[in-house]
C-alpha atoms as a PDB file:
ATOM      1  CA  MET A   1      99.103 118.506  93.853  1.00  0.00           C
ATOM      2  CA  ILE A   2     101.052 115.425  92.880  1.00  0.00           C
ATOM      3  CA  ASP A   3     100.646 113.606  89.780  1.00  0.00           C
ATOM      4  CA  ILE A   4     100.891 109.676  89.688  1.00  0.00           C
ATOM      5  CA  THR A   5     101.484 107.272  86.940  1.00  0.00           C
ATOM      6  CA  LEU A   6     101.969 103.567  87.394  1.00  0.00           C
ATOM      7  CA  LEU A   7     104.033 103.214  83.934  1.00  0.00           C
ATOM      8  CA  GLY A   8     104.114  99.224  84.552  1.00  0.00           C
ATOM      9  CA  CYS A   9     103.068  96.632  86.835  1.00  0.00           C
ATOM     10  CA  GLY A  10     104.544  93.333  85.884  1.00  0.00           C
ATOM     11  CA  GLY A  11     107.034  91.479  87.501  1.00  0.00           C
ATOM     12  CA  SER A  12     109.836  88.984  86.411  1.00  0.00           C
ATOM     13  CA  LEU A  13     109.257  89.455  82.484  1.00  0.00           C
ATOM     14  CA  PRO A  14     107.092  91.724  80.218  1.00  0.00           C
ATOM     15  CA  THR A  15     103.798  90.506  78.983  1.00  0.00           C
ATOM     16  CA  PRO A  16     102.014  91.938  75.685  1.00  0.00           C
ATOM     17  CA  ASN A  17      99.339  93.567  77.878  1.00  0.00           C
ATOM     18  CA  ARG A  18     101.990  94.575  80.664  1.00  0.00           C
ATOM     19  CA  SER A  19     105.243  96.419  80.732  1.00  0.00           C
ATOM     20  CA  LEU A  20     107.605  95.772  83.664  1.00  0.00           C
ATOM     21  CA  THR A  21     107.460  97.680  87.012  1.00  0.00           C
ATOM     22  CA  SER A  22     107.829 101.556  86.930  1.00  0.00           C
ATOM     23  CA  LEU A  23     106.116 104.414  88.416  1.00  0.00           C
ATOM     24  CA  LEU A  24     106.285 108.408  87.658  1.00  0.00           C
ATOM     25  CA  LEU A  25     105.526 111.207  90.061  1.00  0.00           C
ATOM     26  CA  SER A  26     104.913 114.569  88.796  1.00  0.00           C
ATOM     27  CA  HIS A  27     105.342 117.657  91.415  1.00  0.00           C
ATOM     28  CA  ASN A  28     105.903 121.306  91.093  1.00  0.00           C
ATOM     29  CA  GLY A  29     107.049 120.763  86.825  1.00  0.00           C
ATOM     30  CA  LYS A  30     109.488 117.763  88.119  1.00  0.00           C
ATOM     31  CA  ASN A  31     109.248 114.406  87.820  1.00  0.00           C
ATOM     32  CA  ILE A  32     110.534 111.429  90.298  1.00  0.00           C
ATOM     33  CA  LEU A  33     111.001 107.957  88.367  1.00  0.00           C
ATOM     34  CA  ILE A  34     110.816 105.132  90.634  1.00  0.00           C
ATOM     35  CA  ASP A  35     112.120 101.399  89.091  1.00  0.00           C
ATOM     36  CA  CYS A  36     112.857 101.246  85.255  1.00  0.00           C
ATOM     37  CA  GLY A  37     112.048  98.183  83.767  1.00  0.00           C
ATOM     38  CA  GLU A  38     111.542  97.253  80.190  1.00  0.00           C
ATOM     39  CA  GLY A  39     108.572  99.053  78.375  1.00  0.00           C
ATOM     40  CA  THR A  40     109.009 102.349  80.655  1.00  0.00           C
ATOM     41  CA  GLN A  41     109.822 104.479  77.707  1.00  0.00           C
ATOM     42  CA  VAL A  42     107.081 103.149  75.701  1.00  0.00           C
ATOM     43  CA  SER A  43     104.888 103.829  78.397  1.00  0.00           C
ATOM     44  CA  MET A  44     106.234 107.086  78.802  1.00  0.00           C
ATOM     45  CA  LYS A  45     105.319 107.625  75.362  1.00  0.00           C
ATOM     46  CA  ILE A  46     101.941 106.727  75.477  1.00  0.00           C
ATOM     47  CA  ALA A  47     100.973 108.649  78.580  1.00  0.00           C
ATOM     48  CA  HIS A  48     102.994 112.043  76.960  1.00  0.00           C
ATOM     49  CA  THR A  49     104.575 112.525  80.217  1.00  0.00           C
ATOM     50  CA  GLY A  50     108.049 113.603  78.622  1.00  0.00           C
ATOM     51  CA  PHE A  51     111.635 112.650  79.459  1.00  0.00           C
ATOM     52  CA  LYS A  52     113.426 115.731  80.077  1.00  0.00           C
ATOM     53  CA  ASN A  53     112.144 116.411  83.634  1.00  0.00           C
ATOM     54  CA  ILE A  54     113.352 113.526  85.410  1.00  0.00           C
ATOM     55  CA  ASP A  55     115.692 115.106  88.426  1.00  0.00           C
ATOM     56  CA  ILE A  56     115.498 111.616  90.177  1.00  0.00           C
ATOM     57  CA  ILE A  57     115.567 107.787  89.422  1.00  0.00           C
ATOM     58  CA  CYS A  58     114.766 105.577  92.591  1.00  0.00           C
ATOM     59  CA  LEU A  59     115.415 101.924  92.049  1.00  0.00           C
ATOM     60  CA  THR A  60     114.195  99.691  94.548  1.00  0.00           C
ATOM     61  CA  HIS A  61     116.875  97.046  93.572  1.00  0.00           C
ATOM     62  CA  VAL A  62     119.018  96.070  90.745  1.00  0.00           C
ATOM     63  CA  HIS A  63     117.211  92.817  89.594  1.00  0.00           C
ATOM     64  CA  ALA A  64     117.000  93.297  85.900  1.00  0.00           C
ATOM     65  CA  ASP A  65     113.544  93.671  85.557  1.00  0.00           C
ATOM     66  CA  HIS A  66     113.560  97.134  87.745  1.00  0.00           C
ATOM     67  CA  VAL A  67     116.481  98.348  85.900  1.00  0.00           C
ATOM     68  CA  ALA A  68     116.647  97.206  82.611  1.00  0.00           C
ATOM     69  CA  GLY A  69     114.860 100.268  80.911  1.00  0.00           C
ATOM     70  CA  LEU A  70     117.534 102.699  82.294  1.00  0.00           C
ATOM     71  CA  PRO A  71     120.398 102.812  79.691  1.00  0.00           C
ATOM     72  CA  GLY A  72     117.722 103.516  76.962  1.00  0.00           C
ATOM     73  CA  LEU A  73     115.942 105.987  79.332  1.00  0.00           C
ATOM     74  CA  LEU A  74     119.134 107.857  80.174  1.00  0.00           C
ATOM     75  CA  LEU A  75     120.313 108.135  76.384  1.00  0.00           C
ATOM     76  CA  THR A  76     116.628 109.322  75.616  1.00  0.00           C
ATOM     77  CA  ILE A  77     116.473 112.132  78.560  1.00  0.00           C
ATOM     78  CA  GLY A  78     120.293 113.081  77.178  1.00  0.00           C
ATOM     79  CA  ASN A  79     118.726 113.561  73.670  1.00  0.00           C
ATOM     80  CA  SER A  80     115.999 115.656  74.825  1.00  0.00           C
ATOM     81  CA  GLY A  81     118.540 118.558  75.665  1.00  0.00           C
ATOM     82  CA  ARG A  82     119.192 118.054  79.369  1.00  0.00           C
ATOM     83  CA  VAL A  83     122.267 118.947  80.551  1.00  0.00           C
ATOM     84  CA  ASP A  84     121.589 119.070  84.669  1.00  0.00           C
ATOM     85  CA  PRO A  85     122.483 116.603  86.627  1.00  0.00           C
ATOM     86  CA  LEU A  86     120.519 113.809  87.272  1.00  0.00           C
ATOM     87  CA  LEU A  87     120.446 111.797  90.589  1.00  0.00           C
ATOM     88  CA  LEU A  88     120.352 107.871  90.914  1.00  0.00           C
ATOM     89  CA  VAL A  89     119.219 106.569  94.206  1.00  0.00           C
ATOM     90  CA  ALA A  90     119.731 102.856  95.008  1.00  0.00           C
ATOM     91  CA  PRO A  91     120.060 100.290  97.583  1.00  0.00           C
ATOM     92  CA  THR A  92     123.399  99.529  99.551  1.00  0.00           C
ATOM     93  CA  LYS A  93     126.272  98.077  96.937  1.00  0.00           C
ATOM     94  CA  SER A  94     124.468  98.847  93.929  1.00  0.00           C
ATOM     95  CA  LYS A  95     126.787 101.306  92.396  1.00  0.00           C
ATOM     96  CA  ASP A  96     129.110  99.078  90.976  1.00  0.00           C
ATOM     97  CA  ILE A  97     126.450  96.984  88.954  1.00  0.00           C
ATOM     98  CA  LEU A  98     124.730 100.155  87.899  1.00  0.00           C
ATOM     99  CA  SER A  99     128.013 101.785  86.683  1.00  0.00           C
ATOM    100  CA  GLY A 100     128.639  98.540  84.524  1.00  0.00           C
ATOM    101  CA  LEU A 101     125.017  99.154  83.378  1.00  0.00           C
ATOM    102  CA  LEU A 102     125.637 102.783  82.414  1.00  0.00           C
ATOM    103  CA  LYS A 103     128.589 101.887  80.273  1.00  0.00           C
ATOM    104  CA  LEU A 104     126.059 101.111  77.486  1.00  0.00           C
ATOM    105  CA  CYS A 105     125.069 104.978  77.784  1.00  0.00           C
ATOM    106  CA  MET A 106     128.546 106.063  76.336  1.00  0.00           C
ATOM    107  CA  ALA A 107     129.004 109.754  76.691  1.00  0.00           C
ATOM    108  CA  LEU A 108     125.759 111.529  78.383  1.00  0.00           C
ATOM    109  CA  PRO A 109     125.275 115.502  78.116  1.00  0.00           C
ATOM    110  CA  PHE A 110     124.544 115.538  81.811  1.00  0.00           C
ATOM    111  CA  GLU A 111     126.132 113.863  85.040  1.00  0.00           C
ATOM    112  CA  VAL A 112     124.823 110.991  86.923  1.00  0.00           C
ATOM    113  CA  ARG A 113     125.168 111.386  90.360  1.00  0.00           C
ATOM    114  CA  PHE A 114     124.788 108.088  92.918  1.00  0.00           C
ATOM    115  CA  LEU A 115     122.959 107.956  96.134  1.00  0.00           C
ATOM    116  CA  GLU A 116     123.325 104.652  98.153  1.00  0.00           C
ATOM    117  CA  CYS A 117     121.100 104.214 100.663  1.00  0.00           C
ATOM    118  CA  ASN A 118     121.956 102.743 104.218  1.00  0.00           C
ATOM    119  CA  GLU A 119     121.848  98.941 104.537  1.00  0.00           C
ATOM    120  CA  ASP A 120     120.179  98.692 108.183  1.00  0.00           C
ATOM    121  CA  ARG A 121     118.408 102.116 108.561  1.00  0.00           C
ATOM    122  CA  VAL A 122     115.832 104.673 106.775  1.00  0.00           C
ATOM    123  CA  THR A 123     117.833 106.926 104.524  1.00  0.00           C
ATOM    124  CA  ARG A 124     116.202 110.344 104.018  1.00  0.00           C
ATOM    125  CA  PHE A 125     116.957 113.143 101.610  1.00  0.00           C
ATOM    126  CA  HIS A 126     114.843 115.862 100.218  1.00  0.00           C
ATOM    127  CA  HIS A 127     114.173 116.961  96.774  1.00  0.00           C
ATOM    128  CA  ASN A 128     111.509 119.933  95.149  1.00  0.00           C
ATOM    129  CA  GLY A 129     109.736 120.291  98.381  1.00  0.00           C
ATOM    130  CA  ILE A 130     109.182 116.386  98.545  1.00  0.00           C
ATOM    131  CA  ASP A 131     110.622 114.506 101.722  1.00  0.00           C
ATOM    132  CA  ILE A 132     111.854 111.116 100.407  1.00  0.00           C
ATOM    133  CA  GLN A 133     112.763 108.060 102.491  1.00  0.00           C
ATOM    134  CA  ALA A 134     114.158 104.581 101.560  1.00  0.00           C
ATOM    135  CA  LEU A 135     113.546 101.434 104.219  1.00  0.00           C
ATOM    136  CA  PRO A 136     115.476  98.565 103.960  1.00  0.00           C
ATOM    137  CA  VAL A 137     113.003  95.529 103.018  1.00  0.00           C
ATOM    138  CA  GLU A 138     113.598  91.486 102.711  1.00  0.00           C
ATOM    139  CA  HIS A 139     114.496  90.400  99.346  1.00  0.00           C
ATOM    140  CA  SER A 140     117.068  87.887  97.665  1.00  0.00           C
ATOM    141  CA  ILE A 141     119.638  91.186  97.382  1.00  0.00           C
ATOM    142  CA  PRO A 142     119.577  94.442  99.234  1.00  0.00           C
ATOM    143  CA  THR A 143     116.511  96.389  98.287  1.00  0.00           C
ATOM    144  CA  VAL A 144     114.423  99.634  99.595  1.00  0.00           C
ATOM    145  CA  CYS A 145     110.967 100.792  99.639  1.00  0.00           C
ATOM    146  CA  TYR A 146     110.219 104.414  99.123  1.00  0.00           C
ATOM    147  CA  SER A 147     107.945 106.692 101.127  1.00  0.00           C
ATOM    148  CA  LEU A 148     107.520 110.351  99.619  1.00  0.00           C
ATOM    149  CA  ASN A 149     106.043 112.740 102.081  1.00  0.00           C
ATOM    150  CA  ILE A 150     104.851 116.655 100.582  1.00  0.00           C
ATOM    151  CA  SER A 151     104.228 119.143 103.397  1.00  0.00           C
ATOM    152  CA  ARG A 152     101.678 121.856 103.279  1.00  0.00           C
ATOM    153  CA  LYS A 153     102.859 125.217 104.266  1.00  0.00           C
ATOM    154  CA  LYS A 154     100.836 126.622 107.481  1.00  0.00           C
ATOM    155  CA  LYS A 155      98.190 128.852 106.664  1.00  0.00           C
ATOM    156  CA  PHE A 156      98.880 132.707 107.384  1.00  0.00           C
ATOM    157  CA  ASN A 157      97.106 133.971 110.677  1.00  0.00           C
ATOM    158  CA  VAL A 158      95.996 137.611 110.632  1.00  0.00           C
ATOM    159  CA  ASP A 159      94.741 137.701 114.004  1.00  0.00           C
ATOM    160  CA  LYS A 160      97.825 135.892 115.374  1.00  0.00           C
ATOM    161  CA  ALA A 161     100.252 138.798 113.572  1.00  0.00           C
ATOM    162  CA  LEU A 162      97.984 141.553 114.970  1.00  0.00           C
ATOM    163  CA  GLU A 163      98.255 140.261 118.344  1.00  0.00           C
ATOM    164  CA  ASN A 164     102.178 140.141 118.030  1.00  0.00           C
ATOM    165  CA  ASN A 165     102.288 143.901 116.796  1.00  0.00           C
ATOM    166  CA  ILE A 166     103.904 142.979 113.714  1.00  0.00           C
ATOM    167  CA  PRO A 167     104.128 145.361 111.023  1.00  0.00           C
ATOM    168  CA  LYS A 168     102.415 144.599 107.649  1.00  0.00           C
ATOM    169  CA  ILE A 169     105.322 145.121 105.882  1.00  0.00           C
ATOM    170  CA  TYR A 170     106.693 142.034 107.071  1.00  0.00           C
ATOM    171  CA  TRP A 171     103.893 139.836 106.890  1.00  0.00           C
ATOM    172  CA  SER A 172     104.618 138.562 103.531  1.00  0.00           C
ATOM    173  CA  VAL A 173     108.216 137.824 104.242  1.00  0.00           C
ATOM    174  CA  LEU A 174     107.499 135.932 107.479  1.00  0.00           C
ATOM    175  CA  GLN A 175     104.884 133.970 105.320  1.00  0.00           C
ATOM    176  CA  SER A 176     107.499 132.823 103.096  1.00  0.00           C
ATOM    177  CA  GLY A 177     109.551 131.524 106.317  1.00  0.00           C
ATOM    178  CA  LYS A 178     112.095 134.259 106.715  1.00  0.00           C
ATOM    179  CA  LYS A 179     112.878 135.978 109.918  1.00  0.00           C
ATOM    180  CA  VAL A 180     113.059 139.573 110.157  1.00  0.00           C
ATOM    181  CA  GLU A 181     115.124 142.187 112.782  1.00  0.00           C
ATOM    182  CA  HIS A 182     113.660 145.345 113.113  1.00  0.00           C
ATOM    183  CA  GLU A 183     114.949 147.599 115.759  1.00  0.00           C
ATOM    184  CA  ASP A 184     116.312 144.944 118.048  1.00  0.00           C
ATOM    185  CA  THR A 185     113.285 142.938 117.985  1.00  0.00           C
ATOM    186  CA  THR A 186     113.295 139.626 116.224  1.00  0.00           C
ATOM    187  CA  TYR A 187     110.117 138.470 114.287  1.00  0.00           C
ATOM    188  CA  THR A 188     109.620 134.821 113.317  1.00  0.00           C
ATOM    189  CA  PRO A 189     107.506 132.610 111.105  1.00  0.00           C
ATOM    190  CA  ASP A 190     105.705 131.287 113.844  1.00  0.00           C
ATOM    191  CA  MET A 191     104.600 134.528 114.975  1.00  0.00           C
ATOM    192  CA  VAL A 192     101.934 134.662 112.247  1.00  0.00           C
ATOM    193  CA  LEU A 193     101.606 131.047 110.942  1.00  0.00           C
ATOM    194  CA  GLY A 194      98.677 128.990 111.993  1.00  0.00           C
ATOM    195  CA  ASN A 195      99.323 125.204 112.917  1.00  0.00           C
ATOM    196  CA  ASP A 196     100.626 122.451 111.153  1.00  0.00           C
ATOM    197  CA  ARG A 197      98.304 121.064 108.132  1.00  0.00           C
ATOM    198  CA  LYS A 198      98.241 117.703 106.746  1.00  0.00           C
ATOM    199  CA  GLY A 199     100.391 117.186 103.630  1.00  0.00           C
ATOM    200  CA  LEU A 200     100.506 113.874 101.091  1.00  0.00           C
ATOM    201  CA  LYS A 201     102.258 110.785 101.582  1.00  0.00           C
ATOM    202  CA  ILE A 202     102.931 108.030  98.696  1.00  0.00           C
ATOM    203  CA  CYS A 203     104.619 104.693  99.336  1.00  0.00           C
ATOM    204  CA  TYR A 204     105.847 102.470  96.795  1.00  0.00           C
ATOM    205  CA  CYS A 205     106.653  98.908  98.095  1.00  0.00           C
ATOM    206  CA  THR A 206     107.505  95.770  95.827  1.00  0.00           C
ATOM    207  CA  ASP A 207     110.208  92.580  96.087  1.00  0.00           C
ATOM    208  CA  THR A 208     109.766  91.858  99.664  1.00  0.00           C
ATOM    209  CA  ARG A 209     108.209  90.072 102.455  1.00  0.00           C
ATOM    210  CA  PRO A 210     105.624  92.226 104.736  1.00  0.00           C
ATOM    211  CA  ILE A 211     108.114  92.623 107.351  1.00  0.00           C
ATOM    212  CA  PRO A 212     106.891  94.696 110.352  1.00  0.00           C
ATOM    213  CA  GLU A 213     109.004  97.557 109.596  1.00  0.00           C
ATOM    214  CA  LEU A 214     106.581  98.695 107.040  1.00  0.00           C
ATOM    215  CA  ASN A 215     103.481  99.129 108.912  1.00  0.00           C
ATOM    216  CA  ASN A 216     104.961 102.252 111.061  1.00  0.00           C
ATOM    217  CA  PHE A 217     107.061 103.320 107.514  1.00  0.00           C
ATOM    218  CA  ILE A 218     103.670 103.157 105.263  1.00  0.00           C
ATOM    219  CA  PHE A 219     101.231 104.533 107.927  1.00  0.00           C
ATOM    220  CA  ASP A 220      98.752 106.971 107.132  1.00  0.00           C
ATOM    221  CA  SER A 221      99.676 107.111 103.579  1.00  0.00           C
ATOM    222  CA  ASP A 222      97.061 108.677 100.878  1.00  0.00           C
ATOM    223  CA  LEU A 223      98.291 105.848  98.511  1.00  0.00           C
ATOM    224  CA  PHE A 224     100.151 102.767  98.976  1.00  0.00           C
ATOM    225  CA  ILE A 225     101.680 101.259  95.910  1.00  0.00           C
ATOM    226  CA  CYS A 226     102.282  97.170  96.953  1.00  0.00           C
ATOM    227  CA  GLU A 227     103.507  94.432  95.002  1.00  0.00           C
ATOM    228  CA  GLY A 228     101.015  91.505  94.499  1.00  0.00           C
ATOM    229  CA  MET A 229     102.901  88.943  93.042  1.00  0.00           C
ATOM    230  CA  TYR A 230     100.377  86.353  94.026  1.00  0.00           C
ATOM    231  CA  GLY A 231      96.896  86.455  93.920  1.00  0.00           C
ATOM    232  CA  ASP A 232      96.149  82.848  95.541  1.00  0.00           C
ATOM    233  CA  ASP A 233      96.975  82.419  99.213  1.00  0.00           C
ATOM    234  CA  SER A 234      97.804  78.969  98.245  1.00  0.00           C
ATOM    235  CA  GLU A 235     100.817  80.098  96.795  1.00  0.00           C
ATOM    236  CA  VAL A 236     102.384  81.367 100.318  1.00  0.00           C
ATOM    237  CA  SER A 237     105.234  79.120 100.021  1.00  0.00           C
ATOM    238  CA  LYS A 238     106.436  80.517  96.717  1.00  0.00           C
ATOM    239  CA  ALA A 239     105.793  83.803  98.268  1.00  0.00           C
ATOM    240  CA  ILE A 240     108.273  82.998 101.279  1.00  0.00           C
ATOM    241  CA  GLN A 241     110.667  81.294  99.195  1.00  0.00           C
ATOM    242  CA  ASN A 242     110.971  83.877  96.420  1.00  0.00           C
ATOM    243  CA  LYS A 243     110.632  86.984  98.918  1.00  0.00           C
ATOM    244  CA  HIS A 244     107.290  88.404  97.480  1.00  0.00           C
ATOM    245  CA  MET A 245     104.090  89.347  98.353  1.00  0.00           C
ATOM    246  CA  LEU A 246     100.556  87.700  98.420  1.00  0.00           C
ATOM    247  CA  PHE A 247      97.418  90.085  97.854  1.00  0.00           C
ATOM    248  CA  SER A 248      96.239  89.375 101.238  1.00  0.00           C
ATOM    249  CA  GLU A 249      99.373  90.390 102.766  1.00  0.00           C
ATOM    250  CA  ALA A 250      99.611  93.944 100.954  1.00  0.00           C
ATOM    251  CA  ALA A 251      95.876  94.048 102.013  1.00  0.00           C
ATOM    252  CA  TYR A 252      96.692  93.484 106.087  1.00  0.00           C
ATOM    253  CA  LEU A 253      99.437  96.004 105.408  1.00  0.00           C
ATOM    254  CA  ALA A 254      97.103  98.450 104.218  1.00  0.00           C
ATOM    255  CA  LYS A 255      94.252  97.826 106.558  1.00  0.00           C
ATOM    256  CA  ASN A 256      96.872  97.896 109.880  1.00  0.00           C
ATOM    257  CA  SER A 257      98.601 101.053 108.692  1.00  0.00           C
ATOM    258  CA  ASN A 258      95.794 103.263 108.503  1.00  0.00           C
ATOM    259  CA  VAL A 259      96.267 103.679 104.235  1.00  0.00           C
ATOM    260  CA  LYS A 260      93.731 105.444 102.489  1.00  0.00           C
ATOM    261  CA  GLU A 261      93.760 103.401  99.077  1.00  0.00           C
ATOM    262  CA  LEU A 262      95.848 100.394  98.044  1.00  0.00           C
ATOM    263  CA  TRP A 263      96.994 100.268  94.415  1.00  0.00           C
ATOM    264  CA  LEU A 264      98.637  96.440  93.708  1.00  0.00           C
ATOM    265  CA  THR A 265     101.091  95.936  91.246  1.00  0.00           C
ATOM    266  CA  HIS A 266     104.265  93.868  90.397  1.00  0.00           C
ATOM    267  CA  PHE A 267     101.882  90.816  88.990  1.00  0.00           C
ATOM    268  CA  SER A 268     103.815  87.275  88.361  1.00  0.00           C
ATOM    269  CA  PRO A 269     103.583  86.798  84.537  1.00  0.00           C
ATOM    270  CA  SER A 270     101.539  83.543  85.154  1.00  0.00           C
ATOM    271  CA  LEU A 271      98.789  86.017  86.928  1.00  0.00           C
ATOM    272  CA  SER A 272      96.880  86.541  83.578  1.00  0.00           C
ATOM    273  CA  GLU A 273      93.755  88.093  85.353  1.00  0.00           C
ATOM    274  CA  PRO A 274      94.395  89.538  88.773  1.00  0.00           C
ATOM    275  CA  ILE A 275      90.520  91.164  89.035  1.00  0.00           C
ATOM    276  CA  ILE A 276      89.543  87.469  89.801  1.00  0.00           C
ATOM    277  CA  TYR A 277      91.581  87.988  93.558  1.00  0.00           C
ATOM    278  CA  LEU A 278      89.929  91.238  93.809  1.00  0.00           C
ATOM    279  CA  ASP A 279      86.733  90.683  95.713  1.00  0.00           C
ATOM    280  CA  LYS A 280      88.461  88.578  98.339  1.00  0.00           C
ATOM    281  CA  THR A 281      91.288  91.235  98.938  1.00  0.00           C
ATOM    282  CA  GLN A 282      88.902  93.888  99.242  1.00  0.00           C
ATOM    283  CA  GLU A 283      87.064  91.792 101.845  1.00  0.00           C
ATOM    284  CA  ILE A 284      90.478  92.665 104.055  1.00  0.00           C
ATOM    285  CA  PHE A 285      90.795  96.052 102.285  1.00  0.00           C
ATOM    286  CA  LYS A 286      88.176  97.797 100.706  1.00  0.00           C
ATOM    287  CA  ASN A 287      89.887 100.801  99.036  1.00  0.00           C
ATOM    288  CA  THR A 288      92.110  98.221  96.914  1.00  0.00           C
ATOM    289  CA  ILE A 289      92.448  98.691  93.154  1.00  0.00           C
ATOM    290  CA  ILE A 290      94.136  96.281  90.550  1.00  0.00           C
ATOM    291  CA  GLY A 291      96.805  98.219  88.776  1.00  0.00           C
ATOM    292  CA  GLU A 292      97.116  98.420  85.122  1.00  0.00           C
ATOM    293  CA  ASP A 293      99.963 100.027  82.476  1.00  0.00           C
ATOM    294  CA  ARG A 294      99.444 104.015  82.776  1.00  0.00           C
ATOM    295  CA  LEU A 295      96.925 103.766  85.757  1.00  0.00           C
ATOM    296  CA  SER A 296      96.724 107.598  87.108  1.00  0.00           C
ATOM    297  CA  THR A 297      95.463 109.708  89.811  1.00  0.00           C
ATOM    298  CA  SER A 298      96.051 113.012  90.998  1.00  0.00           C
ATOM    299  CA  LEU A 299      96.598 113.881  94.724  1.00  0.00           C
ATOM    300  CA  LYS A 300      95.516 117.110  96.339  1.00  0.00           C
ATOM    301  CA  PHE A 301      95.731 118.529  99.694  1.00  0.00           C
ATOM    302  CA  GLU A 302      92.573 118.154 102.014  1.00  0.00           C
END
């Protein structure tokens, strides 16, 4: 199971009822934060998420509305008693900017490690049982969107273990994924485990045009969280110029990629009532939800 909280759904600048972009994912007692705009800490306080167990902060890019909350949050994490290293993931050519930003933090009691994503291909890494991928997308500066995949363990197959004449004392070891050597015989996990089972997939995408590569990247997502900077299709020229997306473009991405559910986020400050564009968007992709600060859900394996 994974818990997901949209901490902030604003773009460009905060409004009285909307913090800037941030998303928190909790799995196995550990947290991953994606983006950290102004208001992230306030929203976390309201949602009672805690600060200490954030192990990774993934940034889509280093525009201020996505990173301005970072120095304060890192100081708060330090004051919570954290001493273990924290990984900061960001697009290529971001490290110098972030290093300058972190000078505001002075001496933190934990190490901040950097991972810069590839400029022209998917970056992939693993953490706490989650396969995380970052895809370069189209914005005014280097930007990535993220996919988080949680695999599901294969089910133990008693019949298969018996057919392979495997002693019962080794069943639990093999089920855990380890092989066993016994009297010149090697027993492997595949000799007791069933078929692959569907896991969970969450994708997060802001500040980009709807490039073709996104379709495969987000395909089969259980939850697709995507920017909807503009609700009115008449603003398409503005979306192209500023390299953002319309509600309808996000909906078509979801529809064409077999996504189960779409959350729209990263709204323009001028978009005071995104709900008025929901019906038209749902004509394209029915299972569309208008994001709001601290919108949350829990995803479970089928």
